[in-house]
Amino acid sequence: MIYPIYQKGKTSMWFRREKRPKEKIENKKLKIPEGIWVRCKNCKEIIYKKEIERNFDICPKCDHHFYISAKKRLALLYDSGKYQSFDDDLQATDPLKFRDRKKYKDRLKEYALLTGLRDAILSTEGHIGGKKVVICALEFGFMGGSMASVVGEKIVRSTEKCVREKLPFMTISCSGGARMQEGIFSLMQMAKTSGAIGKLNEAGIPFISILTDPTTGGVSASYAMLGDIIISEPKALIGFAGKRVIEQTINQKLPPEFQRAEFLLAHGMIDLIIDRRQLKNILIKLLSFFDISPQEASTAQ
């Protein structure tokens, strides 16, 4: 409001604006439901999640391969996404009565509810390109895909099934290594699974190992690196000990891409680096190359 103010002895007047209290302006943030947008770890771009999912969970900007669950990986590889799991009843015990911040038994229950699995592995059979195969896939969401007694046992049972039925064997590794909560029982699985792969070799059964990010520790030091063909996704972390531990041990600086798939390919440690979108077609070609009749398999024994 504007009004006049008169001064004594003067005819002139001047005006003053009434001071109004400032209105509070609230900072209203646009609420976006969670899970609609995803930031790529590699290129840092923010991308519509549905667009990533349509692209096999690969960044459309830089081709970074996002983590996907074991069930999703299997659905991408098997014909029509259909497969049959077996040995689902196997469940870990607690031989060491291990406890850190939680009891080991409680952790197993927690991750079982989270993933819908009893342990960090899925043993499955189905068809790829019309050919029947057996695939064991590790689930990183279950205690980091760690290898313990159940993981080792399921891999051994799967290899025995392949020898009996003359089926190609595949593994999809995504693991931080051996599970500390089972101590020496976990470490024993390295020898156990390696021996099982040896039986496949004696029987002339092909074994294709697929490595994803990450494949480390006791998994990389055992069956995962024993494939007739070893395939990796681009830029996957593959190694045994951590880079910093190795640098401190040998007192040397390691190359920036050390323990990445491209480095291992250049040094002859793996055979192929395959984009997730092309993996099924490559597997179909490899299965045709390795295709053997039951009679040939029995002769190989």
C-alpha atoms as a PDB file:
ATOM      1  CA  MET A   1       0.000   0.000   0.000  1.00  0.00           C
ATOM      2  CA  ILE A   2       1.234   3.517  -0.815  1.00  0.00           C
ATOM      3  CA  TYR A   3       0.255   6.462   1.412  1.00  0.00           C
ATOM      4  CA  PRO A   4       1.479  10.092   1.967  1.00  0.00           C
ATOM      5  CA  ILE A   5       3.548  11.288   4.943  1.00  0.00           C
ATOM      6  CA  TYR A   6       3.403  15.040   5.812  1.00  0.00           C
ATOM      7  CA  GLN A   7       6.167  16.942   7.588  1.00  0.00           C
ATOM      8  CA  LYS A   8       5.593  20.048   9.795  1.00  0.00           C
ATOM      9  CA  GLY A   9       6.183  23.410   8.130  1.00  0.00           C
ATOM     10  CA  LYS A  10       6.452  21.920   4.706  1.00  0.00           C
ATOM     11  CA  THR A  11       3.923  21.621   1.977  1.00  0.00           C
ATOM     12  CA  SER A  12       5.790  18.951   0.158  1.00  0.00           C
ATOM     13  CA  MET A  13       5.212  15.341   0.853  1.00  0.00           C
ATOM     14  CA  TRP A  14       6.972  12.146   0.018  1.00  0.00           C
ATOM     15  CA  PHE A  15       5.865   8.611  -0.274  1.00  0.00           C
ATOM     16  CA  ARG A  16       6.867   5.383   1.333  1.00  0.00           C
ATOM     17  CA  ARG A  17       6.018   1.808   0.405  1.00  0.00           C
ATOM     18  CA  GLU A  18       4.677  -0.342   3.127  1.00  0.00           C
ATOM     19  CA  LYS A  19       7.003  -3.271   3.798  1.00  0.00           C
ATOM     20  CA  ARG A  20       5.232  -6.508   3.319  1.00  0.00           C
ATOM     21  CA  PRO A  21       6.499  -9.723   4.779  1.00  0.00           C
ATOM     22  CA  LYS A  22       8.182 -11.875   2.152  1.00  0.00           C
ATOM     23  CA  GLU A  23       6.236 -14.898   1.179  1.00  0.00           C
ATOM     24  CA  LYS A  24       8.014 -18.159   1.860  1.00  0.00           C
ATOM     25  CA  ILE A  25       8.729 -19.977  -1.342  1.00  0.00           C
ATOM     26  CA  GLU A  26       9.043 -23.677  -0.769  1.00  0.00           C
ATOM     27  CA  ASN A  27      11.577 -25.586  -2.800  1.00  0.00           C
ATOM     28  CA  LYS A  28       9.338 -28.170  -4.313  1.00  0.00           C
ATOM     29  CA  LYS A  29      11.366 -31.015  -5.736  1.00  0.00           C
ATOM     30  CA  LEU A  30       9.910 -33.083  -8.518  1.00  0.00           C
ATOM     31  CA  LYS A  31       9.268 -36.506  -7.078  1.00  0.00           C
ATOM     32  CA  ILE A  32      10.371 -39.239  -9.445  1.00  0.00           C
ATOM     33  CA  PRO A  33       9.563 -42.818  -8.451  1.00  0.00           C
ATOM     34  CA  GLU A  34      12.656 -44.872  -7.690  1.00  0.00           C
ATOM     35  CA  GLY A  35      13.939 -47.344 -10.240  1.00  0.00           C
ATOM     36  CA  ILE A  36      12.893 -45.417 -13.364  1.00  0.00           C
ATOM     37  CA  TRP A  37      16.329 -43.942 -14.130  1.00  0.00           C
ATOM     38  CA  VAL A  38      19.731 -45.619 -13.809  1.00  0.00           C
ATOM     39  CA  ARG A  39      23.175 -44.019 -13.746  1.00  0.00           C
ATOM     40  CA  CYS A  40      25.769 -45.974 -15.730  1.00  0.00           C
ATOM     41  CA  LYS A  41      28.860 -46.722 -13.636  1.00  0.00           C
ATOM     42  CA  ASN A  42      31.089 -46.395 -16.676  1.00  0.00           C
ATOM     43  CA  CYS A  43      29.957 -43.319 -18.654  1.00  0.00           C
ATOM     44  CA  LYS A  44      27.964 -41.724 -15.764  1.00  0.00           C
ATOM     45  CA  GLU A  45      25.003 -41.062 -18.084  1.00  0.00           C
ATOM     46  CA  ILE A  46      21.493 -41.223 -16.605  1.00  0.00           C
ATOM     47  CA  ILE A  47      19.427 -43.596 -18.718  1.00  0.00           C
ATOM     48  CA  TYR A  48      15.812 -44.726 -18.740  1.00  0.00           C
ATOM     49  CA  LYS A  49      15.777 -48.160 -17.088  1.00  0.00           C
ATOM     50  CA  LYS A  50      13.360 -49.672 -19.608  1.00  0.00           C
ATOM     51  CA  GLU A  51      15.755 -48.719 -22.395  1.00  0.00           C
ATOM     52  CA  ILE A  52      18.566 -50.603 -20.647  1.00  0.00           C
ATOM     53  CA  GLU A  53      16.382 -53.659 -20.084  1.00  0.00           C
ATOM     54  CA  ARG A  54      15.398 -53.723 -23.769  1.00  0.00           C
ATOM     55  CA  ASN A  55      19.125 -53.703 -24.563  1.00  0.00           C
ATOM     56  CA  PHE A  56      19.944 -56.907 -22.596  1.00  0.00           C
ATOM     57  CA  ASP A  57      20.866 -54.766 -19.551  1.00  0.00           C
ATOM     58  CA  ILE A  58      23.660 -53.092 -21.496  1.00  0.00           C
ATOM     59  CA  CYS A  59      24.232 -49.345 -21.499  1.00  0.00           C
ATOM     60  CA  PRO A  60      23.136 -47.957 -24.915  1.00  0.00           C
ATOM     61  CA  LYS A  61      25.710 -45.152 -24.602  1.00  0.00           C
ATOM     62  CA  CYS A  62      28.933 -47.033 -23.802  1.00  0.00           C
ATOM     63  CA  ASP A  63      28.038 -50.778 -23.896  1.00  0.00           C
ATOM     64  CA  HIS A  64      28.733 -51.237 -20.189  1.00  0.00           C
ATOM     65  CA  HIS A  65      27.299 -54.595 -19.045  1.00  0.00           C
ATOM     66  CA  PHE A  66      25.133 -54.183 -15.965  1.00  0.00           C
ATOM     67  CA  TYR A  67      24.829 -56.929 -13.366  1.00  0.00           C
ATOM     68  CA  ILE A  68      21.921 -59.307 -13.920  1.00  0.00           C
ATOM     69  CA  SER A  69      20.695 -62.237 -11.824  1.00  0.00           C
ATOM     70  CA  ALA A  70      21.482 -65.878 -12.550  1.00  0.00           C
ATOM     71  CA  LYS A  71      17.847 -66.532 -13.487  1.00  0.00           C
ATOM     72  CA  LYS A  72      17.882 -63.697 -16.011  1.00  0.00           C
ATOM     73  CA  ARG A  73      21.136 -64.909 -17.550  1.00  0.00           C
ATOM     74  CA  LEU A  74      19.712 -68.395 -17.984  1.00  0.00           C
ATOM     75  CA  ALA A  75      16.505 -67.054 -19.524  1.00  0.00           C
ATOM     76  CA  LEU A  76      18.587 -65.136 -22.105  1.00  0.00           C
ATOM     77  CA  LEU A  77      20.496 -68.264 -23.138  1.00  0.00           C
ATOM     78  CA  TYR A  78      17.963 -71.099 -23.149  1.00  0.00           C
ATOM     79  CA  ASP A  79      15.547 -71.479 -26.060  1.00  0.00           C
ATOM     80  CA  SER A  80      12.343 -69.551 -25.297  1.00  0.00           C
ATOM     81  CA  GLY A  81      13.860 -68.764 -21.892  1.00  0.00           C
ATOM     82  CA  LYS A  82      12.712 -72.153 -20.591  1.00  0.00           C
ATOM     83  CA  TYR A  83      14.799 -74.515 -18.476  1.00  0.00           C
ATOM     84  CA  GLN A  84      14.452 -77.075 -15.697  1.00  0.00           C
ATOM     85  CA  SER A  85      16.384 -76.782 -12.452  1.00  0.00           C
ATOM     86  CA  PHE A  86      17.490 -79.796 -10.388  1.00  0.00           C
ATOM     87  CA  ASP A  87      19.091 -80.526  -6.998  1.00  0.00           C
ATOM     88  CA  ASP A  88      17.090 -77.610  -5.584  1.00  0.00           C
ATOM     89  CA  ASP A  89      16.726 -79.346  -2.225  1.00  0.00           C
ATOM     90  CA  LEU A  90      20.427 -79.068  -1.328  1.00  0.00           C
ATOM     91  CA  GLN A  91      20.939 -76.626   1.536  1.00  0.00           C
ATOM     92  CA  ALA A  92      24.004 -75.507   3.481  1.00  0.00           C
ATOM     93  CA  THR A  93      24.584 -76.542   7.081  1.00  0.00           C
ATOM     94  CA  ASP A  94      26.740 -74.708   9.614  1.00  0.00           C
ATOM     95  CA  PRO A  95      29.667 -77.106  10.250  1.00  0.00           C
ATOM     96  CA  LEU A  96      31.776 -74.468  12.059  1.00  0.00           C
ATOM     97  CA  LYS A  97      28.920 -72.856  14.033  1.00  0.00           C
ATOM     98  CA  PHE A  98      30.213 -69.627  12.516  1.00  0.00           C
ATOM     99  CA  ARG A  99      29.171 -66.221  13.770  1.00  0.00           C
ATOM    100  CA  ASP A 100      30.345 -62.696  12.971  1.00  0.00           C
ATOM    101  CA  ARG A 101      27.817 -59.892  13.327  1.00  0.00           C
ATOM    102  CA  LYS A 102      25.161 -62.526  12.611  1.00  0.00           C
ATOM    103  CA  LYS A 103      24.937 -66.275  12.826  1.00  0.00           C
ATOM    104  CA  TYR A 104      25.752 -68.024   9.550  1.00  0.00           C
ATOM    105  CA  LYS A 105      22.395 -69.818   9.724  1.00  0.00           C
ATOM    106  CA  ASP A 106      20.607 -66.475   9.954  1.00  0.00           C
ATOM    107  CA  ARG A 107      22.519 -65.145   6.949  1.00  0.00           C
ATOM    108  CA  LEU A 108      21.491 -68.169   4.906  1.00  0.00           C
ATOM    109  CA  LYS A 109      17.843 -67.569   5.756  1.00  0.00           C
ATOM    110  CA  GLU A 110      18.154 -63.869   4.926  1.00  0.00           C
ATOM    111  CA  TYR A 111      19.649 -64.458   1.479  1.00  0.00           C
ATOM    112  CA  ALA A 112      17.225 -67.287   0.750  1.00  0.00           C
ATOM    113  CA  LEU A 113      14.350 -64.846   1.247  1.00  0.00           C
ATOM    114  CA  LEU A 114      16.144 -62.207  -0.837  1.00  0.00           C
ATOM    115  CA  THR A 115      16.925 -64.405  -3.847  1.00  0.00           C
ATOM    116  CA  GLY A 116      14.432 -67.266  -3.665  1.00  0.00           C
ATOM    117  CA  LEU A 117      17.368 -69.725  -3.742  1.00  0.00           C
ATOM    118  CA  ARG A 118      18.744 -72.068  -1.096  1.00  0.00           C
ATOM    119  CA  ASP A 119      22.324 -71.290  -2.042  1.00  0.00           C
ATOM    120  CA  ALA A 120      24.415 -69.296  -4.512  1.00  0.00           C
ATOM    121  CA  ILE A 121      23.974 -71.604  -7.498  1.00  0.00           C
ATOM    122  CA  LEU A 122      21.333 -72.814  -9.940  1.00  0.00           C
ATOM    123  CA  SER A 123      21.788 -76.218 -11.607  1.00  0.00           C
ATOM    124  CA  THR A 124      19.718 -76.344 -14.796  1.00  0.00           C
ATOM    125  CA  GLU A 125      19.115 -78.239 -18.010  1.00  0.00           C
ATOM    126  CA  GLY A 126      17.443 -77.159 -21.234  1.00  0.00           C
ATOM    127  CA  HIS A 127      18.084 -76.492 -24.901  1.00  0.00           C
ATOM    128  CA  ILE A 128      20.250 -73.931 -26.686  1.00  0.00           C
ATOM    129  CA  GLY A 129      19.768 -73.903 -30.425  1.00  0.00           C
ATOM    130  CA  GLY A 130      17.875 -77.169 -30.080  1.00  0.00           C
ATOM    131  CA  LYS A 131      20.769 -78.938 -28.325  1.00  0.00           C
ATOM    132  CA  LYS A 132      20.322 -80.138 -24.756  1.00  0.00           C
ATOM    133  CA  VAL A 133      22.867 -78.759 -22.281  1.00  0.00           C
ATOM    134  CA  VAL A 134      23.468 -78.451 -18.544  1.00  0.00           C
ATOM    135  CA  ILE A 135      24.333 -75.045 -17.074  1.00  0.00           C
ATOM    136  CA  CYS A 136      25.348 -74.139 -13.530  1.00  0.00           C
ATOM    137  CA  ALA A 137      24.983 -70.403 -12.844  1.00  0.00           C
ATOM    138  CA  LEU A 138      26.224 -68.584  -9.758  1.00  0.00           C
ATOM    139  CA  GLU A 139      23.983 -65.953  -8.160  1.00  0.00           C
ATOM    140  CA  PHE A 140      26.009 -62.971  -6.877  1.00  0.00           C
ATOM    141  CA  GLY A 141      23.004 -61.768  -4.921  1.00  0.00           C
ATOM    142  CA  PHE A 142      23.399 -64.760  -2.578  1.00  0.00           C
ATOM    143  CA  MET A 143      26.392 -63.880  -0.376  1.00  0.00           C
ATOM    144  CA  GLY A 144      28.392 -62.564  -3.321  1.00  0.00           C
ATOM    145  CA  GLY A 145      28.046 -65.802  -5.282  1.00  0.00           C
ATOM    146  CA  SER A 146      30.501 -67.357  -2.842  1.00  0.00           C
ATOM    147  CA  MET A 147      31.492 -70.997  -3.302  1.00  0.00           C
ATOM    148  CA  ALA A 148      30.812 -73.288  -0.349  1.00  0.00           C
ATOM    149  CA  SER A 149      29.836 -76.940   0.113  1.00  0.00           C
ATOM    150  CA  VAL A 150      26.506 -76.739  -1.731  1.00  0.00           C
ATOM    151  CA  VAL A 151      28.002 -74.920  -4.736  1.00  0.00           C
ATOM    152  CA  GLY A 152      30.763 -77.508  -5.047  1.00  0.00           C
ATOM    153  CA  GLU A 153      28.361 -80.422  -4.640  1.00  0.00           C
ATOM    154  CA  LYS A 154      25.939 -79.113  -7.260  1.00  0.00           C
ATOM    155  CA  ILE A 155      28.736 -78.598  -9.793  1.00  0.00           C
ATOM    156  CA  VAL A 156      29.987 -82.163  -9.197  1.00  0.00           C
ATOM    157  CA  ARG A 157      26.480 -83.625  -9.529  1.00  0.00           C
ATOM    158  CA  SER A 158      25.954 -81.655 -12.745  1.00  0.00           C
ATOM    159  CA  THR A 159      29.192 -82.965 -14.268  1.00  0.00           C
ATOM    160  CA  GLU A 160      28.207 -86.526 -13.334  1.00  0.00           C
ATOM    161  CA  LYS A 161      24.856 -86.008 -15.044  1.00  0.00           C
ATOM    162  CA  CYS A 162      26.667 -84.762 -18.164  1.00  0.00           C
ATOM    163  CA  VAL A 163      28.927 -87.822 -18.222  1.00  0.00           C
ATOM    164  CA  ARG A 164      25.944 -90.188 -17.821  1.00  0.00           C
ATOM    165  CA  GLU A 165      23.763 -88.500 -20.436  1.00  0.00           C
ATOM    166  CA  LYS A 166      26.565 -87.282 -22.742  1.00  0.00           C
ATOM    167  CA  LEU A 167      25.558 -83.613 -22.456  1.00  0.00           C
ATOM    168  CA  PRO A 168      27.734 -80.500 -22.873  1.00  0.00           C
ATOM    169  CA  PHE A 169      28.424 -78.683 -19.610  1.00  0.00           C
ATOM    170  CA  MET A 170      28.540 -74.916 -19.030  1.00  0.00           C
ATOM    171  CA  THR A 171      29.078 -72.685 -16.026  1.00  0.00           C
ATOM    172  CA  ILE A 172      28.302 -68.985 -15.586  1.00  0.00           C
ATOM    173  CA  SER A 173      30.561 -67.566 -12.889  1.00  0.00           C
ATOM    174  CA  CYS A 174      29.836 -64.417 -10.905  1.00  0.00           C
ATOM    175  CA  SER A 175      31.570 -64.709  -7.558  1.00  0.00           C
ATOM    176  CA  GLY A 176      33.767 -63.126  -4.919  1.00  0.00           C
ATOM    177  CA  GLY A 177      35.419 -66.491  -4.211  1.00  0.00           C
ATOM    178  CA  ALA A 178      35.226 -69.109  -1.459  1.00  0.00           C
ATOM    179  CA  ARG A 179      32.773 -68.519   1.409  1.00  0.00           C
ATOM    180  CA  MET A 180      34.599 -67.703   4.632  1.00  0.00           C
ATOM    181  CA  GLN A 181      31.738 -68.883   6.867  1.00  0.00           C
ATOM    182  CA  GLU A 182      32.540 -72.498   5.964  1.00  0.00           C
ATOM    183  CA  GLY A 183      36.315 -72.136   6.192  1.00  0.00           C
ATOM    184  CA  ILE A 184      38.278 -75.165   4.983  1.00  0.00           C
ATOM    185  CA  PHE A 185      35.061 -76.794   3.722  1.00  0.00           C
ATOM    186  CA  SER A 186      34.785 -73.985   1.175  1.00  0.00           C
ATOM    187  CA  LEU A 187      38.436 -74.250   0.138  1.00  0.00           C
ATOM    188  CA  MET A 188      38.026 -77.996  -0.406  1.00  0.00           C
ATOM    189  CA  GLN A 189      35.531 -77.241  -3.182  1.00  0.00           C
ATOM    190  CA  MET A 190      38.383 -75.949  -5.354  1.00  0.00           C
ATOM    191  CA  ALA A 191      39.922 -79.415  -5.590  1.00  0.00           C
ATOM    192  CA  LYS A 192      36.526 -81.113  -5.684  1.00  0.00           C
ATOM    193  CA  THR A 193      35.207 -79.105  -8.660  1.00  0.00           C
ATOM    194  CA  SER A 194      38.548 -79.268 -10.501  1.00  0.00           C
ATOM    195  CA  GLY A 195      38.492 -83.059 -10.173  1.00  0.00           C
ATOM    196  CA  ALA A 196      34.952 -83.147 -11.550  1.00  0.00           C
ATOM    197  CA  ILE A 197      36.028 -81.149 -14.608  1.00  0.00           C
ATOM    198  CA  GLY A 198      38.849 -83.657 -15.089  1.00  0.00           C
ATOM    199  CA  LYS A 199      36.252 -86.436 -15.275  1.00  0.00           C
ATOM    200  CA  LEU A 200      34.448 -84.481 -18.019  1.00  0.00           C
ATOM    201  CA  ASN A 201      37.692 -84.260 -19.958  1.00  0.00           C
ATOM    202  CA  GLU A 202      38.308 -87.993 -19.632  1.00  0.00           C
ATOM    203  CA  ALA A 203      34.797 -88.706 -20.935  1.00  0.00           C
ATOM    204  CA  GLY A 204      35.225 -86.347 -23.910  1.00  0.00           C
ATOM    205  CA  ILE A 205      32.424 -84.043 -22.735  1.00  0.00           C
ATOM    206  CA  PRO A 206      32.870 -80.370 -23.728  1.00  0.00           C
ATOM    207  CA  PHE A 207      32.969 -77.759 -20.970  1.00  0.00           C
ATOM    208  CA  ILE A 208      32.358 -74.075 -21.719  1.00  0.00           C
ATOM    209  CA  SER A 209      33.118 -71.619 -18.936  1.00  0.00           C
ATOM    210  CA  ILE A 210      31.484 -68.167 -19.041  1.00  0.00           C
ATOM    211  CA  LEU A 211      33.021 -65.476 -16.818  1.00  0.00           C
ATOM    212  CA  THR A 212      31.167 -62.352 -15.747  1.00  0.00           C
ATOM    213  CA  ASP A 213      31.974 -59.391 -13.534  1.00  0.00           C
ATOM    214  CA  PRO A 214      33.331 -60.338 -11.028  1.00  0.00           C
ATOM    215  CA  THR A 215      34.945 -63.794 -11.128  1.00  0.00           C
ATOM    216  CA  THR A 216      37.522 -63.859  -8.369  1.00  0.00           C
ATOM    217  CA  GLY A 217      39.076 -65.849  -5.536  1.00  0.00           C
ATOM    218  CA  GLY A 218      38.660 -69.600  -5.294  1.00  0.00           C
ATOM    219  CA  VAL A 219      36.212 -69.743  -8.208  1.00  0.00           C
ATOM    220  CA  SER A 220      38.713 -68.240 -10.647  1.00  0.00           C
ATOM    221  CA  ALA A 221      41.410 -70.503  -9.140  1.00  0.00           C
ATOM    222  CA  SER A 222      39.443 -73.686  -9.829  1.00  0.00           C
ATOM    223  CA  TYR A 223      36.774 -74.817 -12.300  1.00  0.00           C
ATOM    224  CA  ALA A 224      36.098 -71.393 -13.880  1.00  0.00           C
ATOM    225  CA  MET A 225      39.484 -71.323 -15.641  1.00  0.00           C
ATOM    226  CA  LEU A 226      39.432 -74.994 -16.719  1.00  0.00           C
ATOM    227  CA  GLY A 227      37.017 -74.734 -19.633  1.00  0.00           C
ATOM    228  CA  ASP A 228      37.703 -76.128 -23.073  1.00  0.00           C
ATOM    229  CA  ILE A 229      36.517 -72.692 -24.151  1.00  0.00           C
ATOM    230  CA  ILE A 230      36.641 -69.769 -21.702  1.00  0.00           C
ATOM    231  CA  ILE A 231      34.389 -66.826 -22.582  1.00  0.00           C
ATOM    232  CA  SER A 232      34.146 -63.503 -20.776  1.00  0.00           C
ATOM    233  CA  GLU A 233      31.853 -60.509 -20.915  1.00  0.00           C
ATOM    234  CA  PRO A 234      33.580 -57.207 -21.813  1.00  0.00           C
ATOM    235  CA  LYS A 235      35.635 -55.542 -19.042  1.00  0.00           C
ATOM    236  CA  ALA A 236      34.774 -58.240 -16.493  1.00  0.00           C
ATOM    237  CA  LEU A 237      36.974 -58.334 -13.384  1.00  0.00           C
ATOM    238  CA  ILE A 238      38.742 -61.709 -13.334  1.00  0.00           C
ATOM    239  CA  GLY A 239      41.477 -62.675 -10.914  1.00  0.00           C
ATOM    240  CA  PHE A 240      42.449 -64.338  -7.663  1.00  0.00           C
ATOM    241  CA  ALA A 241      43.819 -61.815  -5.153  1.00  0.00           C
ATOM    242  CA  GLY A 242      42.990 -58.115  -5.267  1.00  0.00           C
ATOM    243  CA  LYS A 243      45.141 -55.749  -7.319  1.00  0.00           C
ATOM    244  CA  ARG A 244      46.313 -53.776  -4.270  1.00  0.00           C
ATOM    245  CA  VAL A 245      47.346 -56.969  -2.433  1.00  0.00           C
ATOM    246  CA  ILE A 246      49.392 -58.100  -5.428  1.00  0.00           C
ATOM    247  CA  GLU A 247      51.087 -54.689  -5.766  1.00  0.00           C
ATOM    248  CA  GLN A 248      52.058 -54.734  -2.099  1.00  0.00           C
ATOM    249  CA  THR A 249      53.338 -58.314  -2.391  1.00  0.00           C
ATOM    250  CA  ILE A 250      55.539 -57.826  -5.465  1.00  0.00           C
ATOM    251  CA  ASN A 251      56.272 -54.153  -4.717  1.00  0.00           C
ATOM    252  CA  GLN A 252      55.431 -53.108  -8.273  1.00  0.00           C
ATOM    253  CA  LYS A 253      52.772 -50.991  -9.939  1.00  0.00           C
ATOM    254  CA  LEU A 254      50.413 -53.035 -12.112  1.00  0.00           C
ATOM    255  CA  PRO A 255      48.885 -51.891 -15.444  1.00  0.00           C
ATOM    256  CA  PRO A 256      45.555 -49.997 -15.219  1.00  0.00           C
ATOM    257  CA  GLU A 257      43.601 -52.775 -17.006  1.00  0.00           C
ATOM    258  CA  PHE A 258      45.195 -55.572 -14.992  1.00  0.00           C
ATOM    259  CA  GLN A 259      42.694 -58.381 -14.175  1.00  0.00           C
ATOM    260  CA  ARG A 260      40.191 -57.127 -16.744  1.00  0.00           C
ATOM    261  CA  ALA A 261      38.944 -59.448 -19.493  1.00  0.00           C
ATOM    262  CA  GLU A 262      40.800 -57.568 -22.247  1.00  0.00           C
ATOM    263  CA  PHE A 263      44.113 -57.911 -20.388  1.00  0.00           C
ATOM    264  CA  LEU A 264      43.573 -61.653 -19.871  1.00  0.00           C
ATOM    265  CA  LEU A 265      42.661 -62.140 -23.542  1.00  0.00           C
ATOM    266  CA  ALA A 266      45.846 -60.363 -24.662  1.00  0.00           C
ATOM    267  CA  HIS A 267      47.897 -62.668 -22.405  1.00  0.00           C
ATOM    268  CA  GLY A 268      46.213 -65.923 -23.473  1.00  0.00           C
ATOM    269  CA  MET A 269      44.272 -66.590 -20.259  1.00  0.00           C
ATOM    270  CA  ILE A 270      40.834 -66.621 -21.904  1.00  0.00           C
ATOM    271  CA  ASP A 271      39.647 -67.437 -25.418  1.00  0.00           C
ATOM    272  CA  LEU A 272      36.866 -64.976 -26.267  1.00  0.00           C
ATOM    273  CA  ILE A 273      35.249 -61.754 -25.122  1.00  0.00           C
ATOM    274  CA  ILE A 274      31.619 -61.788 -26.193  1.00  0.00           C
ATOM    275  CA  ASP A 275      28.966 -59.095 -25.924  1.00  0.00           C
ATOM    276  CA  ARG A 276      25.948 -60.376 -23.974  1.00  0.00           C
ATOM    277  CA  ARG A 277      23.703 -59.720 -26.975  1.00  0.00           C
ATOM    278  CA  GLN A 278      25.763 -62.114 -29.111  1.00  0.00           C
ATOM    279  CA  LEU A 279      26.495 -64.791 -26.515  1.00  0.00           C
ATOM    280  CA  LYS A 280      23.676 -67.197 -27.384  1.00  0.00           C
ATOM    281  CA  ASN A 281      24.559 -67.219 -31.097  1.00  0.00           C
ATOM    282  CA  ILE A 282      28.213 -67.903 -30.266  1.00  0.00           C
ATOM    283  CA  LEU A 283      27.243 -70.747 -27.938  1.00  0.00           C
ATOM    284  CA  ILE A 284      25.094 -72.312 -30.660  1.00  0.00           C
ATOM    285  CA  LYS A 285      28.106 -72.285 -33.008  1.00  0.00           C
ATOM    286  CA  LEU A 286      30.399 -73.751 -30.348  1.00  0.00           C
ATOM    287  CA  LEU A 287      27.912 -76.501 -29.494  1.00  0.00           C
ATOM    288  CA  SER A 288      27.763 -77.431 -33.186  1.00  0.00           C
ATOM    289  CA  PHE A 289      31.560 -77.560 -33.272  1.00  0.00           C
ATOM    290  CA  PHE A 290      31.727 -79.763 -30.162  1.00  0.00           C
ATOM    291  CA  ASP A 291      28.728 -81.883 -31.156  1.00  0.00           C
ATOM    292  CA  ILE A 292      29.492 -85.556 -30.501  1.00  0.00           C
ATOM    293  CA  SER A 293      27.302 -88.622 -30.552  1.00  0.00           C
ATOM    294  CA  PRO A 294      26.936 -90.860 -27.459  1.00  0.00           C
ATOM    295  CA  GLN A 295      29.037 -93.508 -29.256  1.00  0.00           C
ATOM    296  CA  GLU A 296      31.906 -91.032 -29.744  1.00  0.00           C
ATOM    297  CA  ALA A 297      31.684 -89.995 -26.099  1.00  0.00           C
ATOM    298  CA  SER A 298      31.904 -93.577 -24.877  1.00  0.00           C
ATOM    299  CA  THR A 299      34.921 -94.164 -27.164  1.00  0.00           C
ATOM    300  CA  ALA A 300      36.637 -91.131 -25.611  1.00  0.00           C
ATOM    301  CA  GLN A 301      36.441 -92.811 -22.209  1.00  0.00           C
END
